[in-house]
PDB file of N, CA and C in Angstrom:
ATOM      1  N   MET A   1      48.887  44.406  74.232  1.00  0.00           N
ATOM      2  CA  MET A   1      48.001  45.530  74.423  1.00  0.00           C
ATOM      3  C   MET A   1      46.754  45.333  73.572  1.00  0.00           C
ATOM      4  N   PRO A   2      45.620  45.552  74.161  1.00  0.00           N
ATOM      5  CA  PRO A   2      44.391  45.435  73.370  1.00  0.00           C
ATOM      6  C   PRO A   2      44.355  46.506  72.284  1.00  0.00           C
ATOM      7  N   GLU A   3      43.719  46.171  71.189  1.00  0.00           N
ATOM      8  CA  GLU A   3      43.650  47.058  70.034  1.00  0.00           C
ATOM      9  C   GLU A   3      42.914  48.362  70.364  1.00  0.00           C
ATOM     10  N   ASP A   4      41.842  48.278  71.179  1.00  0.00           N
ATOM     11  CA  ASP A   4      41.086  49.486  71.504  1.00  0.00           C
ATOM     12  C   ASP A   4      41.888  50.442  72.384  1.00  0.00           C
ATOM     13  N   PHE A   5      42.833  49.929  73.178  1.00  0.00           N
ATOM     14  CA  PHE A   5      43.665  50.790  74.016  1.00  0.00           C
ATOM     15  C   PHE A   5      44.619  51.619  73.159  1.00  0.00           C
ATOM     16  N   LYS A   6      45.129  51.024  72.088  1.00  0.00           N
ATOM     17  CA  LYS A   6      46.032  51.756  71.195  1.00  0.00           C
ATOM     18  C   LYS A   6      45.311  52.890  70.495  1.00  0.00           C
ATOM     19  N   GLN A   7      44.049  52.724  70.263  1.00  0.00           N
ATOM     20  CA  GLN A   7      43.278  53.746  69.567  1.00  0.00           C
ATOM     21  C   GLN A   7      42.786  54.842  70.517  1.00  0.00           C
ATOM     22  N   ASN A   8      43.018  54.662  71.779  1.00  0.00           N
ATOM     23  CA  ASN A   8      42.553  55.621  72.771  1.00  0.00           C
ATOM     24  C   ASN A   8      43.272  56.959  72.587  1.00  0.00           C
ATOM     25  N   ALA A   9      42.541  58.041  72.634  1.00  0.00           N
ATOM     26  CA  ALA A   9      43.115  59.374  72.444  1.00  0.00           C
ATOM     27  C   ALA A   9      44.110  59.719  73.549  1.00  0.00           C
ATOM     28  N   ALA A  10      43.853  59.272  74.759  1.00  0.00           N
ATOM     29  CA  ALA A  10      44.771  59.554  75.861  1.00  0.00           C
ATOM     30  C   ALA A  10      46.112  58.866  75.640  1.00  0.00           C
ATOM     31  N   PHE A  11      46.071  57.639  75.125  1.00  0.00           N
ATOM     32  CA  PHE A  11      47.305  56.909  74.830  1.00  0.00           C
ATOM     33  C   PHE A  11      48.111  57.635  73.757  1.00  0.00           C
ATOM     34  N   LYS A  12      47.432  58.077  72.713  1.00  0.00           N
ATOM     35  CA  LYS A  12      48.108  58.796  71.631  1.00  0.00           C
ATOM     36  C   LYS A  12      48.720  60.099  72.136  1.00  0.00           C
ATOM     37  N   ASP A  13      47.971  60.815  72.973  1.00  0.00           N
ATOM     38  CA  ASP A  13      48.494  62.063  73.525  1.00  0.00           C
ATOM     39  C   ASP A  13      49.711  61.815  74.407  1.00  0.00           C
ATOM     40  N   ALA A  14      49.679  60.757  75.204  1.00  0.00           N
ATOM     41  CA  ALA A  14      50.815  60.446  76.070  1.00  0.00           C
ATOM     42  C   ALA A  14      52.053  60.098  75.246  1.00  0.00           C
ATOM     43  N   VAL A  15      51.869  59.344  74.188  1.00  0.00           N
ATOM     44  CA  VAL A  15      52.997  58.988  73.322  1.00  0.00           C
ATOM     45  C   VAL A  15      53.549  60.236  72.637  1.00  0.00           C
ATOM     46  N   LYS A  16      52.680  61.096  72.136  1.00  0.00           N
ATOM     47  CA  LYS A  16      53.129  62.330  71.484  1.00  0.00           C
ATOM     48  C   LYS A  16      53.897  63.214  72.461  1.00  0.00           C
ATOM     49  N   GLU A  17      53.401  63.321  73.687  1.00  0.00           N
ATOM     50  CA  GLU A  17      54.070  64.145  74.688  1.00  0.00           C
ATOM     51  C   GLU A  17      55.440  63.569  75.052  1.00  0.00           C
ATOM     52  N   GLY A  18      55.511  62.262  75.200  1.00  0.00           N
ATOM     53  CA  GLY A  18      56.785  61.617  75.510  1.00  0.00           C
ATOM     54  C   GLY A  18      57.806  61.804  74.408  1.00  0.00           C
ATOM     55  N   ILE A  19      57.379  61.657  73.171  1.00  0.00           N
ATOM     56  CA  ILE A  19      58.291  61.848  72.038  1.00  0.00           C
ATOM     57  C   ILE A  19      58.735  63.308  71.960  1.00  0.00           C
ATOM     58  N   ALA A  20      57.817  64.238  72.186  1.00  0.00           N
ATOM     59  CA  ALA A  20      58.161  65.661  72.137  1.00  0.00           C
ATOM     60  C   ALA A  20      59.177  66.012  73.217  1.00  0.00           C
ATOM     61  N   GLU A  21      58.999  65.484  74.429  1.00  0.00           N
ATOM     62  CA  GLU A  21      59.959  65.752  75.507  1.00  0.00           C
ATOM     63  C   GLU A  21      61.331  65.181  75.172  1.00  0.00           C
ATOM     64  N   TRP A  22      61.360  63.976  74.631  1.00  0.00           N
ATOM     65  CA  TRP A  22      62.629  63.347  74.281  1.00  0.00           C
ATOM     66  C   TRP A  22      63.337  64.153  73.193  1.00  0.00           C
ATOM     67  N   LEU A  23      62.590  64.587  72.173  1.00  0.00           N
ATOM     68  CA  LEU A  23      63.191  65.380  71.105  1.00  0.00           C
ATOM     69  C   LEU A  23      63.714  66.709  71.622  1.00  0.00           C
ATOM     70  N   ASN A  24      62.984  67.348  72.540  1.00  0.00           N
ATOM     71  CA  ASN A  24      63.446  68.609  73.119  1.00  0.00           C
ATOM     72  C   ASN A  24      64.761  68.413  73.861  1.00  0.00           C
ATOM     73  N   GLN A  25      64.906  67.310  74.587  1.00  0.00           N
ATOM     74  CA  GLN A  25      66.153  67.018  75.290  1.00  0.00           C
ATOM     75  C   GLN A  25      67.293  66.802  74.303  1.00  0.00           C
ATOM     76  N   GLN A  26      67.022  66.093  73.223  1.00  0.00           N
ATOM     77  CA  GLN A  26      68.063  65.824  72.233  1.00  0.00           C
ATOM     78  C   GLN A  26      68.501  67.109  71.534  1.00  0.00           C
ATOM     79  N   PHE A  27      67.560  67.969  71.173  1.00  0.00           N
ATOM     80  CA  PHE A  27      67.911  69.230  70.533  1.00  0.00           C
ATOM     81  C   PHE A  27      68.661  70.144  71.502  1.00  0.00           C
ATOM     82  N   ALA A  28      68.285  70.129  72.779  1.00  0.00           N
ATOM     83  CA  ALA A  28      68.995  70.945  73.761  1.00  0.00           C
ATOM     84  C   ALA A  28      70.433  70.470  73.911  1.00  0.00           C
ATOM     85  N   ALA A  29      70.645  69.171  73.956  1.00  0.00           N
ATOM     86  CA  ALA A  29      72.007  68.636  74.071  1.00  0.00           C
ATOM     87  C   ALA A  29      72.808  68.960  72.820  1.00  0.00           C
ATOM     88  N   PHE A  30      72.217  68.831  71.639  1.00  0.00           N
ATOM     89  CA  PHE A  30      72.913  69.141  70.396  1.00  0.00           C
ATOM     90  C   PHE A  30      73.286  70.619  70.356  1.00  0.00           C
ATOM     91  N   GLY A  31      72.380  71.478  70.765  1.00  0.00           N
ATOM     92  CA  GLY A  31      72.639  72.915  70.775  1.00  0.00           C
ATOM     93  C   GLY A  31      73.771  73.283  71.711  1.00  0.00           C
ATOM     94  N   ARG A  32      73.820  72.652  72.871  1.00  0.00           N
ATOM     95  CA  ARG A  32      74.883  72.924  73.832  1.00  0.00           C
ATOM     96  C   ARG A  32      76.227  72.523  73.262  1.00  0.00           C
ATOM     97  N   TRP A  33      76.312  71.332  72.660  1.00  0.00           N
ATOM     98  CA  TRP A  33      77.582  70.870  72.081  1.00  0.00           C
ATOM     99  C   TRP A  33      77.971  71.719  70.881  1.00  0.00           C
ATOM    100  N   THR A  34      77.008  72.144  70.096  1.00  0.00           N
ATOM    101  CA  THR A  34      77.301  72.997  68.948  1.00  0.00           C
ATOM    102  C   THR A  34      77.848  74.342  69.418  1.00  0.00           C
ATOM    103  N   PHE A  35      77.233  74.905  70.447  1.00  0.00           N
ATOM    104  CA  PHE A  35      77.703  76.184  70.989  1.00  0.00           C
ATOM    105  C   PHE A  35      79.128  76.061  71.501  1.00  0.00           C
ATOM    106  N   TYR A  36      79.408  75.024  72.284  1.00  0.00           N
ATOM    107  CA  TYR A  36      80.761  74.848  72.820  1.00  0.00           C
ATOM    108  C   TYR A  36      81.768  74.575  71.710  1.00  0.00           C
ATOM    109  N   GLY A  37      81.353  73.865  70.680  1.00  0.00           N
ATOM    110  CA  GLY A  37      82.240  73.616  69.550  1.00  0.00           C
ATOM    111  C   GLY A  37      82.597  74.895  68.816  1.00  0.00           C
ATOM    112  N   LEU A  38      81.595  75.726  68.553  1.00  0.00           N
ATOM    113  CA  LEU A  38      81.856  77.007  67.887  1.00  0.00           C
ATOM    114  C   LEU A  38      82.694  77.931  68.758  1.00  0.00           C
ATOM    115  N   LEU A  39      82.435  77.917  70.049  1.00  0.00           N
ATOM    116  CA  LEU A  39      83.213  78.740  70.969  1.00  0.00           C
ATOM    117  C   LEU A  39      84.675  78.312  70.984  1.00  0.00           C
ATOM    118  N   SER A  40      84.931  77.011  70.997  1.00  0.00           N
ATOM    119  CA  SER A  40      86.320  76.535  70.997  1.00  0.00           C
ATOM    120  C   SER A  40      87.011  76.855  69.675  1.00  0.00           C
ATOM    121  N   LEU A  41      86.298  76.773  68.548  1.00  0.00           N
ATOM    122  CA  LEU A  41      86.882  77.171  67.265  1.00  0.00           C
ATOM    123  C   LEU A  41      87.235  78.657  67.250  1.00  0.00           C
ATOM    124  N   ALA A  42      86.359  79.485  67.787  1.00  0.00           N
ATOM    125  CA  ALA A  42      86.617  80.923  67.831  1.00  0.00           C
ATOM    126  C   ALA A  42      87.831  81.233  68.706  1.00  0.00           C
ATOM    127  N   MET A  43      87.929  80.568  69.848  1.00  0.00           N
ATOM    128  CA  MET A  43      89.080  80.811  70.731  1.00  0.00           C
ATOM    129  C   MET A  43      90.368  80.331  70.076  1.00  0.00           C
ATOM    130  N   GLY A  44      90.305  79.197  69.386  1.00  0.00           N
ATOM    131  CA  GLY A  44      91.482  78.714  68.663  1.00  0.00           C
ATOM    132  C   GLY A  44      91.904  79.690  67.583  1.00  0.00           C
ATOM    133  N   GLY A  45      90.942  80.271  66.884  1.00  0.00           N
ATOM    134  CA  GLY A  45      91.250  81.277  65.874  1.00  0.00           C
ATOM    135  C   GLY A  45      91.889  82.511  66.472  1.00  0.00           C
ATOM    136  N   LEU A  46      91.387  82.956  67.613  1.00  0.00           N
ATOM    137  CA  LEU A  46      91.978  84.115  68.279  1.00  0.00           C
ATOM    138  C   LEU A  46      93.420  83.839  68.706  1.00  0.00           C
ATOM    139  N   VAL A  47      93.674  82.671  69.231  1.00  0.00           N
ATOM    140  CA  VAL A  47      95.039  82.310  69.635  1.00  0.00           C
ATOM    141  C   VAL A  47      95.946  82.268  68.412  1.00  0.00           C
ATOM    142  N   TYR A  48      95.467  81.688  67.331  1.00  0.00           N
ATOM    143  CA  TYR A  48      96.264  81.617  66.107  1.00  0.00           C
ATOM    144  C   TYR A  48      96.612  83.023  65.605  1.00  0.00           C
ATOM    145  N   PHE A  49      95.610  83.902  65.522  1.00  0.00           N
ATOM    146  CA  PHE A  49      95.881  85.254  65.036  1.00  0.00           C
ATOM    147  C   PHE A  49      96.787  86.029  65.989  1.00  0.00           C
ATOM    148  N   ALA A  50      96.664  85.802  67.285  1.00  0.00           N
ATOM    149  CA  ALA A  50      97.556  86.454  68.239  1.00  0.00           C
ATOM    150  C   ALA A  50      98.983  85.983  68.025  1.00  0.00           C
ATOM    151  N   LEU A  51      99.177  84.683  67.825  1.00  0.00           N
ATOM    152  CA  LEU A  51     100.520  84.165  67.604  1.00  0.00           C
ATOM    153  C   LEU A  51     101.105  84.659  66.286  1.00  0.00           C
ATOM    154  N   VAL A  52     100.291  84.688  65.238  1.00  0.00           N
ATOM    155  CA  VAL A  52     100.777  85.194  63.945  1.00  0.00           C
ATOM    156  C   VAL A  52     101.130  86.676  64.069  1.00  0.00           C
ATOM    157  N   GLY A  53     100.333  87.426  64.810  1.00  0.00           N
ATOM    158  CA  GLY A  53     100.611  88.849  65.012  1.00  0.00           C
ATOM    159  C   GLY A  53     101.884  89.080  65.792  1.00  0.00           C
ATOM    160  N   LEU A  54     102.287  88.123  66.619  1.00  0.00           N
ATOM    161  CA  LEU A  54     103.506  88.268  67.403  1.00  0.00           C
ATOM    162  C   LEU A  54     104.731  87.678  66.692  1.00  0.00           C
ATOM    163  N   GLY A  55     104.558  87.263  65.446  1.00  0.00           N
ATOM    164  CA  GLY A  55     105.684  86.803  64.666  1.00  0.00           C
ATOM    165  C   GLY A  55     105.841  85.299  64.552  1.00  0.00           C
ATOM    166  N   TRP A  56     104.887  84.528  64.987  1.00  0.00           N
ATOM    167  CA  TRP A  56     104.970  83.070  64.865  1.00  0.00           C
ATOM    168  C   TRP A  56     104.753  82.680  63.430  1.00  0.00           C
ATOM    169  N   LYS A  57     105.592  81.816  62.908  1.00  0.00           N
ATOM    170  CA  LYS A  57     105.467  81.392  61.511  1.00  0.00           C
ATOM    171  C   LYS A  57     104.969  79.960  61.451  1.00  0.00           C
ATOM    172  N   LYS A  58     104.240  79.663  60.396  1.00  0.00           N
ATOM    173  CA  LYS A  58     103.687  78.313  60.234  1.00  0.00           C
ATOM    174  C   LYS A  58     104.786  77.306  60.030  1.00  0.00           C
TER     175      LYS A  58
END
């Protein structure tokens, strides 16, 4: 790549936009997995407390 092309403002903007889109996708995927992880922990806790309430012993 020629040196003057790298310094072009349009090139810099395109790279910034591409990186921003990629980061948004990564954060969205992380958020989805975090939500499902917390939801599964909460459901596991509810099942545990229900079983303990019904007389299940450790």
